Protein backbone atom coordinates (compact mmCIF):
# COMPACT_ATOMS: atom_id res chain seq x y z
CA MET A 1 98.16 70.20 110.48
CA PRO A 2 98.98 67.04 108.51
CA GLY A 3 98.78 66.85 104.74
CA ARG A 4 99.98 69.00 101.89
CA ASP A 5 99.78 72.78 102.30
CA PRO A 6 97.01 73.99 99.93
CA ARG A 7 98.20 77.60 99.86
CA PRO A 8 100.60 77.26 96.90
CA ALA A 9 97.75 75.83 94.81
CA LEU A 10 95.49 78.71 95.89
CA HIS A 11 98.26 81.12 94.96
CA GLU A 12 98.37 79.67 91.44
CA LEU A 13 94.58 79.81 91.14
CA LEU A 14 94.57 83.50 92.01
CA VAL A 15 97.38 84.23 89.56
CA ARG A 16 95.40 82.51 86.81
CA GLU A 17 91.88 83.77 87.54
CA PHE A 18 92.76 87.36 88.43
CA ALA A 19 95.74 88.00 86.14
CA ALA A 20 97.98 88.63 89.14
CA GLU A 21 101.75 88.70 88.98
CA HIS A 22 102.27 88.58 92.74
CA VAL A 23 100.03 87.27 95.52
CA ARG A 24 100.16 87.54 99.28
CA LEU A 25 97.67 85.46 101.30
CA LEU A 26 96.49 86.97 104.60
CA ALA A 27 94.08 86.14 107.39
CA SER A 28 91.43 88.66 106.23
CA GLY A 29 90.57 91.06 103.48
CA THR A 30 90.96 93.91 105.97
CA GLN A 31 94.54 92.85 106.65
CA ALA A 32 95.18 92.59 102.91
CA LEU A 33 93.97 96.17 102.41
CA GLN A 34 96.01 97.33 105.40
CA VAL A 35 99.17 95.82 103.88
CA ALA A 36 98.31 97.33 100.48
CA LEU A 37 98.05 100.79 102.06
CA ILE A 38 101.25 100.34 104.08
CA GLU A 39 103.25 99.36 101.00
CA ALA A 40 101.74 102.09 98.82
CA ALA A 41 102.43 104.69 101.53
CA ARG A 42 106.03 103.46 101.79
CA ASP A 43 106.43 104.13 98.07
CA LEU A 44 105.06 107.66 98.44
CA ARG A 45 106.89 108.51 101.70
CA GLY A 46 106.08 111.44 103.91
CA ASP A 47 102.68 112.23 105.41
CA VAL A 48 100.38 110.13 103.22
CA ILE A 49 96.67 110.82 102.76
CA ALA A 50 94.36 108.09 101.49
CA ALA A 51 91.02 108.95 99.89
CA LEU A 52 88.31 106.55 101.09
CA PRO A 53 84.63 106.38 100.12
CA ALA A 54 82.42 107.96 102.77
CA PHE A 55 79.96 105.08 102.40
CA THR A 56 81.48 101.62 102.57
CA CYS A 57 82.28 98.76 104.92
CA PHE A 58 83.77 99.95 108.21
CA ASP A 59 86.65 97.51 107.69
CA VAL A 60 88.04 99.91 105.09
CA ALA A 61 88.49 102.46 107.87
CA THR A 62 90.09 99.77 110.06
CA ALA A 63 92.65 99.07 107.33
CA ALA A 64 93.49 102.76 106.89
CA VAL A 65 93.91 103.28 110.64
CA GLY A 66 96.11 100.16 110.82
CA ALA A 67 98.24 101.52 107.97
CA GLY A 68 98.80 104.79 109.82
CA VAL A 69 97.66 107.03 106.95
CA ARG A 70 95.61 110.17 107.20
CA ILE A 71 92.15 110.04 105.63
CA ALA A 72 90.22 112.21 103.17
CA LEU A 73 86.69 111.05 102.41
CA TYR A 74 84.95 111.34 99.07
CA ASP A 75 81.22 111.03 98.51
CA VAL A 76 79.41 108.20 96.72
CA ASP A 77 76.77 108.70 94.03
CA PRO A 78 73.63 107.12 95.53
CA GLY A 79 72.28 106.29 92.07
CA THR A 80 75.28 104.23 90.95
CA LEU A 81 77.33 103.46 94.09
CA SER A 82 80.33 104.81 92.15
CA PRO A 83 82.63 107.53 93.49
CA ASP A 84 81.24 111.04 93.10
CA LEU A 85 83.97 112.39 90.82
CA ASP A 86 83.67 116.02 91.97
CA SER A 87 84.02 114.89 95.57
CA LEU A 88 86.93 112.60 94.68
CA THR A 89 88.64 115.51 92.92
CA ALA A 90 88.22 117.61 96.08
CA ALA A 91 89.86 114.85 98.17
CA LEU A 92 92.77 114.72 95.73
CA THR A 93 93.05 118.51 95.83
CA ALA A 94 93.27 118.21 99.62
CA GLY A 95 96.41 116.13 99.13
CA ALA A 96 95.27 112.53 98.84
CA ARG A 97 97.65 110.45 96.73
CA LEU A 98 96.11 107.05 97.42
CA VAL A 99 92.56 106.24 96.36
CA VAL A 100 90.68 103.20 97.66
CA VAL A 101 87.76 102.14 95.48
CA THR A 102 85.22 99.66 96.89
CA PRO A 103 82.58 98.29 94.50
CA LEU A 104 79.69 97.52 96.84
CA TYR A 105 77.47 94.42 96.65
CA GLY A 106 79.16 93.33 93.44
CA VAL A 107 78.12 96.45 91.48
CA PRO A 108 81.13 97.66 89.41
CA VAL A 109 82.08 101.33 89.59
CA GLN A 110 83.03 103.75 86.82
CA TRP A 111 86.56 102.41 86.85
CA ARG A 112 88.02 104.28 83.88
CA ALA A 113 86.71 107.63 85.15
CA VAL A 114 88.27 106.99 88.58
CA LEU A 115 91.63 106.14 87.01
CA GLU A 116 91.57 109.32 84.93
CA CYS A 117 90.69 111.42 87.97
CA ALA A 118 93.56 109.92 89.99
CA ALA A 119 96.05 110.10 87.13
CA ALA A 120 95.53 113.86 86.86
CA VAL A 121 97.48 114.31 90.12
CA GLY A 122 99.60 111.16 89.98
CA ALA A 123 97.61 109.31 92.65
CA ALA A 124 97.66 105.51 92.98
CA VAL A 125 94.41 103.54 93.01
CA ILE A 126 93.81 100.44 95.13
CA GLU A 127 90.96 98.21 93.99
CA ASP A 128 89.26 96.77 97.07
CA ALA A 129 87.18 94.03 95.43
CA ALA A 130 86.11 92.43 98.73
CA GLN A 131 82.49 92.29 97.53
CA GLY A 132 83.27 91.80 93.86
CA PHE A 133 83.33 88.02 93.32
CA GLY A 134 81.29 87.10 90.25
CA ALA A 135 81.24 90.67 88.90
CA SER A 136 83.15 92.00 85.91
CA TRP A 137 83.82 95.13 83.90
CA LEU A 138 84.49 94.88 80.17
CA GLY A 139 84.84 91.13 80.61
CA ARG A 140 87.50 91.38 83.33
CA PRO A 141 86.64 90.14 86.82
CA LEU A 142 86.67 92.60 89.67
CA GLY A 143 89.89 92.01 91.52
CA SER A 144 91.88 92.06 88.27
CA LEU A 145 91.48 95.74 87.34
CA GLY A 146 93.99 97.56 89.54
CA ALA A 147 97.76 97.60 89.71
CA VAL A 148 96.98 96.57 93.29
CA SER A 149 93.81 94.68 94.16
CA VAL A 150 92.41 93.20 97.36
CA LEU A 151 90.13 90.18 97.75
CA SER A 152 88.23 89.02 100.82
CA PHE A 153 87.27 85.43 101.58
CA GLY A 154 85.23 86.15 104.69
CA ARG A 155 81.59 85.47 105.45
CA GLY A 156 79.16 86.54 102.78
CA LYS A 157 81.80 87.39 100.19
CA GLY A 158 80.66 84.93 97.51
CA TRP A 159 83.78 82.78 97.71
CA THR A 160 84.60 82.01 101.30
CA GLY A 161 87.09 80.05 103.31
CA GLY A 162 85.50 81.08 106.60
CA ARG A 163 87.97 83.94 106.64
CA GLY A 164 90.95 85.18 104.68
CA GLY A 165 92.06 87.69 102.10
CA ALA A 166 94.57 88.25 99.33
CA LEU A 167 96.70 91.11 98.11
CA LEU A 168 97.28 90.95 94.34
CA ALA A 169 99.85 93.06 92.53
CA ARG A 170 100.63 93.65 88.87
CA GLY A 171 103.49 95.50 87.22
CA ARG A 172 105.39 96.10 90.43
CA ALA A 173 107.78 94.36 92.81
CA PRO A 174 106.41 91.45 94.84
CA PRO A 175 104.88 92.19 98.24
CA SER A 176 107.68 92.72 100.73
CA ALA A 177 106.64 90.03 103.23
CA ALA A 178 106.28 86.31 102.69
CA ASN A 179 102.97 84.49 102.94
CA GLY A 180 104.05 82.85 106.20
CA ASN A 181 104.27 79.28 107.35
CA GLY A 182 101.20 78.72 109.43
CA ALA A 183 98.53 80.06 111.74
CA GLY A 184 98.70 77.55 114.59
CA LEU A 185 96.48 74.56 115.29
CA TRP A 186 93.85 76.50 117.22
CA ARG A 187 93.36 79.04 114.43
CA GLU A 188 93.05 76.23 111.89
CA VAL A 189 90.31 74.56 113.95
CA GLU A 190 88.65 77.93 114.54
CA VAL A 191 88.43 78.53 110.77
CA LEU A 192 86.69 75.20 110.21
CA ALA A 193 84.22 75.80 113.05
CA LEU A 194 83.47 79.31 111.82
CA ALA A 195 82.92 78.14 108.24
CA ALA A 196 80.53 75.41 109.43
CA ALA A 197 78.53 77.89 111.51
CA GLN A 198 78.34 80.38 108.66
CA TRP A 199 77.03 77.70 106.31
CA ALA A 200 74.45 76.42 108.80
CA PHE A 201 72.99 79.82 109.61
CA ALA A 202 72.96 81.08 106.02
CA ARG A 203 69.69 79.28 105.35
CA PRO A 204 66.63 81.60 105.43
CA ALA A 205 64.83 79.32 107.91
CA ALA A 206 67.68 79.74 110.39
CA TYR A 207 68.52 83.37 109.68
CA GLY A 208 67.04 84.68 112.94
CA LEU A 209 69.06 82.34 115.16
CA PRO A 210 72.52 83.96 114.97
CA ALA A 211 71.35 86.90 117.06
CA ALA A 212 71.70 84.52 119.99
CA LEU A 213 75.30 83.76 118.95
CA PRO A 214 77.03 87.15 118.82
CA TRP A 215 80.48 85.56 118.30
CA LEU A 216 79.40 84.77 114.71
CA GLY A 217 79.03 88.47 113.90
CA LEU A 218 76.35 87.70 111.29
CA GLY A 219 74.55 90.77 110.00
CA GLU A 220 76.66 93.00 112.24
CA THR A 221 78.34 96.23 111.17
CA ARG A 222 80.73 97.75 113.65
CA TYR A 223 84.17 99.30 113.65
CA ARG A 224 86.94 96.94 114.75
CA ASP A 225 90.41 98.03 115.78
CA PRO A 226 93.20 96.91 113.41
CA VAL A 227 95.40 93.93 114.18
CA ALA A 228 98.84 92.92 112.97
CA PRO A 229 98.58 91.08 109.61
CA ARG A 230 98.81 87.30 109.82
CA PRO A 231 99.08 84.58 107.15
CA LEU A 232 96.06 82.80 105.73
CA PRO A 233 95.37 79.56 107.65
CA ARG A 234 95.86 76.36 105.69
CA ALA A 235 92.30 75.29 106.52
CA ALA A 236 90.90 78.41 104.87
CA ALA A 237 93.02 77.84 101.75
CA GLY A 238 91.75 74.26 101.50
CA LEU A 239 88.14 75.40 101.79
CA LEU A 240 88.71 78.05 99.11
CA LEU A 241 90.23 75.59 96.66
CA ARG A 242 87.45 73.04 97.10
CA GLY A 243 84.76 75.70 97.04
CA PHE A 244 85.84 77.64 93.95
CA PRO A 245 83.67 75.75 91.38
CA ASP A 246 80.65 75.98 93.69
CA ALA A 247 81.28 79.68 94.21
CA GLN A 248 81.25 80.25 90.45
CA ARG A 249 77.93 78.43 90.13
CA GLU A 250 76.56 80.35 93.08
CA ALA A 251 77.54 83.65 91.41
CA ALA A 252 75.40 82.72 88.39
CA GLU A 253 72.49 81.87 90.71
CA ARG A 254 72.80 85.23 92.49
CA ARG A 255 72.64 87.10 89.20
CA HIS A 256 69.57 85.10 88.16
CA ARG A 257 67.72 85.84 91.40
CA ALA A 258 68.76 89.47 91.37
CA HIS A 259 67.37 89.92 87.86
CA ARG A 260 64.06 88.41 88.95
CA LEU A 261 63.84 90.80 91.88
CA LEU A 262 64.90 93.71 89.68
CA ALA A 263 62.22 92.91 87.12
CA ALA A 264 59.52 92.73 89.78
CA THR A 265 60.53 95.97 91.49
CA ALA A 266 60.79 97.78 88.14
CA ILE A 267 57.33 96.58 87.04
CA GLN A 268 55.78 97.71 90.32
CA GLY A 269 57.77 100.93 90.42
CA LYS A 270 59.08 100.15 93.90
CA GLY A 271 62.27 101.81 95.03
CA ARG A 272 65.12 103.32 93.05
CA LEU A 273 67.48 100.88 91.39
CA MET A 274 71.22 101.22 90.89
CA GLU A 275 72.58 102.04 87.44
CA PRO A 276 75.74 100.02 86.73
CA PRO A 277 78.22 101.64 84.30
CA ALA A 278 78.43 100.61 80.66
CA GLY A 279 80.26 97.32 80.21
CA ALA A 280 79.55 96.18 83.77
CA THR A 281 78.21 92.77 84.79
CA PRO A 282 77.19 93.05 88.45
CA GLY A 283 77.78 90.08 90.70
CA TYR A 284 74.91 91.08 93.02
CA LEU A 285 76.41 89.74 96.21
CA ARG A 286 73.27 91.42 97.51
CA LEU A 287 70.72 93.51 95.63
CA PRO A 288 70.84 97.19 96.64
CA LEU A 289 67.57 99.10 96.51
CA ARG A 290 66.85 102.63 97.67
CA LEU A 291 63.52 103.08 99.45
CA ALA A 292 62.28 106.17 101.24
CA GLY A 293 62.46 105.17 104.87
CA GLY A 294 64.78 102.23 104.27
CA LEU A 295 63.42 98.97 105.68
CA GLY A 296 60.36 100.86 106.87
CA GLY A 297 59.55 101.59 103.22
CA LEU A 298 59.01 97.91 102.45
CA VAL A 299 55.47 96.62 102.13
CA ASP A 300 56.17 93.88 104.70
CA PRO A 301 59.41 94.60 106.58
CA ALA A 302 58.97 91.65 108.96
CA VAL A 303 58.84 89.05 106.18
CA ALA A 304 61.65 90.70 104.24
CA THR A 305 63.88 90.82 107.33
CA ARG A 306 63.16 87.19 108.16
CA LEU A 307 64.31 86.23 104.67
CA GLY A 308 67.52 88.25 104.95
CA ALA A 309 66.70 91.79 103.82
CA ALA A 310 68.73 94.32 105.77
CA ARG A 311 69.59 97.96 106.02
CA SER A 312 73.05 98.81 104.84
CA TYR A 313 75.86 100.49 106.78
CA PRO A 314 74.50 102.38 109.80
CA SER A 315 76.64 105.50 109.30
CA SER A 316 79.13 107.08 106.98
CA LEU A 317 82.83 106.55 107.70
CA GLY A 318 82.94 110.21 108.73
CA ALA A 319 80.86 109.39 111.81
CA LEU A 320 83.50 107.00 113.17
CA ALA A 321 85.72 108.43 115.87
CA ALA A 322 88.78 106.60 114.53
CA VAL A 323 88.27 108.25 111.13
CA ARG A 324 87.54 111.72 112.48
CA ALA A 325 90.84 111.62 114.38
CA ARG A 326 92.69 111.25 111.04
CA LEU A 327 90.39 113.27 108.80
CA VAL A 328 91.78 116.00 106.54
CA GLY A 329 90.20 118.18 103.88
CA PRO A 330 87.33 120.68 103.93
CA ALA A 331 84.45 118.21 103.48
CA ARG A 332 82.55 117.34 106.64
CA ARG A 333 79.28 116.24 105.05
CA TRP A 334 78.73 113.69 102.33
CA PRO A 335 75.11 113.93 101.14
CA GLY A 336 75.24 110.87 98.90
CA ALA A 337 76.57 108.72 101.72
CA GLU A 338 73.99 110.14 104.11
CA GLU A 339 71.18 109.31 101.69
CA LEU A 340 72.43 105.74 101.38
CA VAL A 341 72.68 105.36 105.16
CA ARG A 342 69.06 106.53 105.42
CA ASP A 343 67.43 104.77 102.47
CA LEU A 344 69.50 101.85 101.21
CA VAL A 345 68.10 98.35 101.69
CA THR A 346 69.88 95.21 100.48
CA LEU A 347 68.05 92.03 99.51
CA PRO A 348 69.50 88.51 99.59
CA THR A 349 70.21 86.82 96.27
CA HIS A 350 71.76 83.50 97.34
CA SER A 351 70.67 80.10 96.02
CA LEU A 352 69.40 78.91 99.41
CA LEU A 353 66.34 81.06 98.81
CA SER A 354 63.66 78.61 97.69
CA GLU A 355 61.07 79.50 95.07
CA ARG A 356 58.60 80.12 97.88
CA ASP A 357 61.13 82.33 99.69
CA LEU A 358 61.79 84.33 96.54
CA GLU A 359 58.06 84.88 95.93
CA ALA A 360 57.56 85.96 99.54
CA LEU A 361 60.54 88.32 99.34
CA THR A 362 59.25 89.85 96.13
CA LYS A 363 55.82 90.35 97.66
CA SER A 364 57.33 91.92 100.77
CA VAL A 365 58.92 94.56 98.53
CA THR A 366 56.27 95.12 95.88
CA GLY A 367 53.01 94.19 97.64
């Protein structure tokens, strides 16, 4: 496409904002995690086992399958969304030497405790901050904590270019492959069309319409087979550069709305709230809330769903056939993950919620 390539400028922005020494721009966050696992496994050599959270986005499993590693699952504490450290220790005892940590919905995990657990056996930790934009721990943004970190710029990630991802490295050699020259004219146009559709259907009044447009994949959680990593399209990089200031403002709005919803649910005693670790500032990409019965436990599920409330992931990673085929270790049940599958509801926090929408959403939860 004509004009200056915006990817070098995006590269510099990521270096500056996330304290990265090396950056590789890819077509999705899943591909970025896949490359991170491939390169980490190459360093370790042999038959590599990666410890993944049993409850997380299915794309984490896609990345691990694409990297060709075996998988050990560790449980997630349903009260904090942090790794269950006893379960993580069991995965490491089973031979895992890579640990993928995925802070969900912009809620930071107990990062220092995870590092200590991994360091006890010399395991490497990959920070998958796909949902972390706008969140921080001890004043450092998620995506800047690990020796290797992954960002996602896809739909609903807080800072979006329609699609895309980045692999950030610190204190190690640069990623082995170059960022690439281009994605082809059709993929550039596809990115712009996808970004426009995502923006249009993000409004609460239009939220029900995407069900008629399955190619958007809005609100959909399913396992997707891995693909060969590709470079980030120029169009996505341009959207990311122009959208960065707006994304920062939007992150502040999400926190404000989340705190209002949190205050209302706490006053009414509705649901069980997450407990972020000390020093954490959640980004609240969405607001997680545990309710007996999940969406059915809301006072008015129909109104809440219309405004964007949703159940979370429909199963643990251990229920996916592609994961079971690579699974090692003694654990075959993950009670924390199973509780979250059953009871976790996430509420929207974005700025397109009007005051009336926010009041209706609060009432649908608290009555």
